[in-house]
C-alpha atoms as a PDB file:
ATOM      1  CA  UNK A   1     170.285 -69.728   6.512  1.00  0.00           C
ATOM      2  CA  UNK A   2     172.401 -66.991   4.978  1.00  0.00           C
ATOM      3  CA  UNK A   3     171.847 -65.243   1.592  1.00  0.00           C
ATOM      4  CA  UNK A   4     174.751 -65.674  -0.755  1.00  0.00           C
ATOM      5  CA  UNK A   5     175.383 -63.153  -3.636  1.00  0.00           C
ATOM      6  CA  UNK A   6     174.308 -65.862  -6.099  1.00  0.00           C
ATOM      7  CA  UNK A   7     170.738 -65.947  -4.868  1.00  0.00           C
ATOM      8  CA  UNK A   8     170.394 -62.462  -3.367  1.00  0.00           C
ATOM      9  CA  UNK A   9     167.825 -60.059  -4.734  1.00  0.00           C
ATOM     10  CA  UNK A  10     169.821 -57.081  -6.221  1.00  0.00           C
ATOM     11  CA  UNK A  11     167.070 -54.655  -5.172  1.00  0.00           C
ATOM     12  CA  UNK A  12     167.271 -55.862  -1.571  1.00  0.00           C
ATOM     13  CA  UNK A  13     170.953 -55.038  -1.460  1.00  0.00           C
ATOM     14  CA  UNK A  14     170.266 -51.633  -2.921  1.00  0.00           C
ATOM     15  CA  UNK A  15     167.560 -51.023  -0.404  1.00  0.00           C
ATOM     16  CA  UNK A  16     169.670 -51.938   2.564  1.00  0.00           C
ATOM     17  CA  UNK A  17     172.818 -50.093   1.425  1.00  0.00           C
ATOM     18  CA  UNK A  18     171.267 -46.937   0.031  1.00  0.00           C
ATOM     19  CA  UNK A  19     171.186 -43.850   2.225  1.00  0.00           C
ATOM     20  CA  UNK A  20     167.749 -43.343   3.747  1.00  0.00           C
ATOM     21  CA  UNK A  21     165.479 -40.865   1.943  1.00  0.00           C
ATOM     22  CA  UNK A  22     164.009 -38.432   4.467  1.00  0.00           C
ATOM     23  CA  UNK A  23     161.032 -37.712   2.178  1.00  0.00           C
ATOM     24  CA  UNK A  24     160.083 -41.456   1.826  1.00  0.00           C
ATOM     25  CA  UNK A  25     160.701 -42.013   5.551  1.00  0.00           C
ATOM     26  CA  UNK A  26     158.395 -39.096   6.412  1.00  0.00           C
ATOM     27  CA  UNK A  27     155.767 -40.427   3.940  1.00  0.00           C
ATOM     28  CA  UNK A  28     156.012 -43.947   5.329  1.00  0.00           C
ATOM     29  CA  UNK A  29     155.606 -42.573   8.855  1.00  0.00           C
ATOM     30  CA  UNK A  30     152.515 -40.485   7.843  1.00  0.00           C
ATOM     31  CA  UNK A  31     151.190 -42.838   5.143  1.00  0.00           C
ATOM     32  CA  UNK A  32     147.627 -42.203   6.368  1.00  0.00           C
ATOM     33  CA  UNK A  33     147.920 -38.395   5.791  1.00  0.00           C
ATOM     34  CA  UNK A  34     147.557 -36.638   2.406  1.00  0.00           C
ATOM     35  CA  UNK A  35     150.781 -35.349   0.818  1.00  0.00           C
ATOM     36  CA  UNK A  36     151.626 -31.709   0.500  1.00  0.00           C
ATOM     37  CA  UNK A  37     150.608 -31.645  -3.119  1.00  0.00           C
ATOM     38  CA  UNK A  38     147.293 -33.349  -2.235  1.00  0.00           C
ATOM     39  CA  UNK A  39     146.699 -30.639   0.378  1.00  0.00           C
ATOM     40  CA  UNK A  40     147.543 -27.881  -2.091  1.00  0.00           C
ATOM     41  CA  UNK A  41     145.162 -29.387  -4.632  1.00  0.00           C
ATOM     42  CA  UNK A  42     142.346 -29.584  -2.052  1.00  0.00           C
ATOM     43  CA  UNK A  43     142.872 -25.941  -0.932  1.00  0.00           C
ATOM     44  CA  UNK A  44     143.084 -24.616  -4.546  1.00  0.00           C
ATOM     45  CA  UNK A  45     139.867 -26.437  -5.385  1.00  0.00           C
ATOM     46  CA  UNK A  46     138.152 -25.052  -2.247  1.00  0.00           C
ATOM     47  CA  UNK A  47     139.284 -21.536  -3.177  1.00  0.00           C
ATOM     48  CA  UNK A  48     137.962 -21.963  -6.767  1.00  0.00           C
ATOM     49  CA  UNK A  49     134.678 -23.310  -5.348  1.00  0.00           C
ATOM     50  CA  UNK A  50     134.251 -20.194  -3.098  1.00  0.00           C
ATOM     51  CA  UNK A  51     134.842 -17.965  -6.098  1.00  0.00           C
ATOM     52  CA  UNK A  52     131.851 -19.444  -7.916  1.00  0.00           C
ATOM     53  CA  UNK A  53     131.529 -17.701 -11.276  1.00  0.00           C
ATOM     54  CA  UNK A  54     133.947 -14.931 -10.449  1.00  0.00           C
ATOM     55  CA  UNK A  55     137.179 -15.143 -12.322  1.00  0.00           C
ATOM     56  CA  UNK A  56     140.393 -15.928 -10.437  1.00  0.00           C
ATOM     57  CA  UNK A  57     143.252 -13.499 -10.805  1.00  0.00           C
ATOM     58  CA  UNK A  58     146.843 -13.456  -9.557  1.00  0.00           C
ATOM     59  CA  UNK A  59     146.315 -16.978  -8.366  1.00  0.00           C
ATOM     60  CA  UNK A  60     149.966 -17.981  -8.683  1.00  0.00           C
ATOM     61  CA  UNK A  61     151.181 -15.032  -6.508  1.00  0.00           C
ATOM     62  CA  UNK A  62     148.382 -15.736  -3.984  1.00  0.00           C
ATOM     63  CA  UNK A  63     149.260 -19.434  -3.648  1.00  0.00           C
ATOM     64  CA  UNK A  64     152.977 -18.799  -3.592  1.00  0.00           C
ATOM     65  CA  UNK A  65     152.623 -16.233  -0.776  1.00  0.00           C
ATOM     66  CA  UNK A  66     150.279 -18.577   1.169  1.00  0.00           C
ATOM     67  CA  UNK A  67     152.952 -21.257   0.994  1.00  0.00           C
ATOM     68  CA  UNK A  68     156.150 -19.170   1.199  1.00  0.00           C
ATOM     69  CA  UNK A  69     155.449 -17.070   4.242  1.00  0.00           C
ATOM     70  CA  UNK A  70     154.600 -19.933   6.663  1.00  0.00           C
ATOM     71  CA  UNK A  71     157.561 -21.933   5.195  1.00  0.00           C
ATOM     72  CA  UNK A  72     159.887 -19.094   5.948  1.00  0.00           C
ATOM     73  CA  UNK A  73     158.416 -18.578   9.526  1.00  0.00           C
ATOM     74  CA  UNK A  74     158.801 -22.350  10.361  1.00  0.00           C
ATOM     75  CA  UNK A  75     162.330 -22.497   9.037  1.00  0.00           C
ATOM     76  CA  UNK A  76     163.348 -19.346  10.904  1.00  0.00           C
ATOM     77  CA  UNK A  77     161.902 -20.854  14.156  1.00  0.00           C
ATOM     78  CA  UNK A  78     163.611 -24.138  13.401  1.00  0.00           C
ATOM     79  CA  UNK A  79     167.048 -22.565  12.934  1.00  0.00           C
ATOM     80  CA  UNK A  80     166.522 -19.963  15.702  1.00  0.00           C
ATOM     81  CA  UNK A  81     166.627 -17.149  13.216  1.00  0.00           C
ATOM     82  CA  UNK A  82     169.784 -18.320  11.427  1.00  0.00           C
ATOM     83  CA  UNK A  83     169.265 -16.880   7.949  1.00  0.00           C
ATOM     84  CA  UNK A  84     172.351 -18.649   6.512  1.00  0.00           C
ATOM     85  CA  UNK A  85     170.887 -22.024   7.569  1.00  0.00           C
ATOM     86  CA  UNK A  86     167.416 -21.143   6.170  1.00  0.00           C
ATOM     87  CA  UNK A  87     168.924 -20.041   2.861  1.00  0.00           C
ATOM     88  CA  UNK A  88     170.989 -23.281   2.690  1.00  0.00           C
ATOM     89  CA  UNK A  89     167.848 -25.357   3.423  1.00  0.00           C
ATOM     90  CA  UNK A  90     165.919 -23.582   0.721  1.00  0.00           C
ATOM     91  CA  UNK A  91     168.772 -23.715  -1.792  1.00  0.00           C
ATOM     92  CA  UNK A  92     168.742 -19.943  -2.279  1.00  0.00           C
ATOM     93  CA  UNK A  93     171.386 -17.290  -1.500  1.00  0.00           C
ATOM     94  CA  UNK A  94     171.066 -15.220   1.679  1.00  0.00           C
ATOM     95  CA  UNK A  95     170.304 -11.994  -0.208  1.00  0.00           C
ATOM     96  CA  UNK A  96     167.253 -13.612  -1.929  1.00  0.00           C
ATOM     97  CA  UNK A  97     166.137 -14.908   1.462  1.00  0.00           C
ATOM     98  CA  UNK A  98     166.485 -11.467   3.032  1.00  0.00           C
ATOM     99  CA  UNK A  99     164.400  -9.923   0.185  1.00  0.00           C
ATOM    100  CA  UNK A 100     161.656 -12.516   0.788  1.00  0.00           C
ATOM    101  CA  UNK A 101     161.810 -11.926   4.512  1.00  0.00           C
ATOM    102  CA  UNK A 102     161.384  -8.231   4.014  1.00  0.00           C
ATOM    103  CA  UNK A 103     158.607  -8.690   1.589  1.00  0.00           C
ATOM    104  CA  UNK A 104     156.656 -10.701   4.295  1.00  0.00           C
ATOM    105  CA  UNK A 105     157.615  -8.389   7.142  1.00  0.00           C
ATOM    106  CA  UNK A 106     159.728 -11.121   8.776  1.00  0.00           C
ATOM    107  CA  UNK A 107     163.108  -9.301   8.613  1.00  0.00           C
ATOM    108  CA  UNK A 108     164.225  -8.208  12.110  1.00  0.00           C
END
């Protein structure tokens, strides 16, 4: 039995003709794993728990550096050191990327 346009579900057509979303495909493949934002929330809470009553300071810069440096390292390895590709993947210009690489001691 074939589906004709008169009785077809419009969302089914959209789902079959739309370009695949890599993020949703990744999430579907790893549905049993926490998302990146869930991981971040867990780590931030653990960090705050270890501080106890001590006040947190420069938390934004700390968290950003903890995410940014390994992100840059992985992307550099993935692109075999191609800074132009890394910059394009991140949506930043190459000069900004080089500044970040220098800041983390990753510039060769």
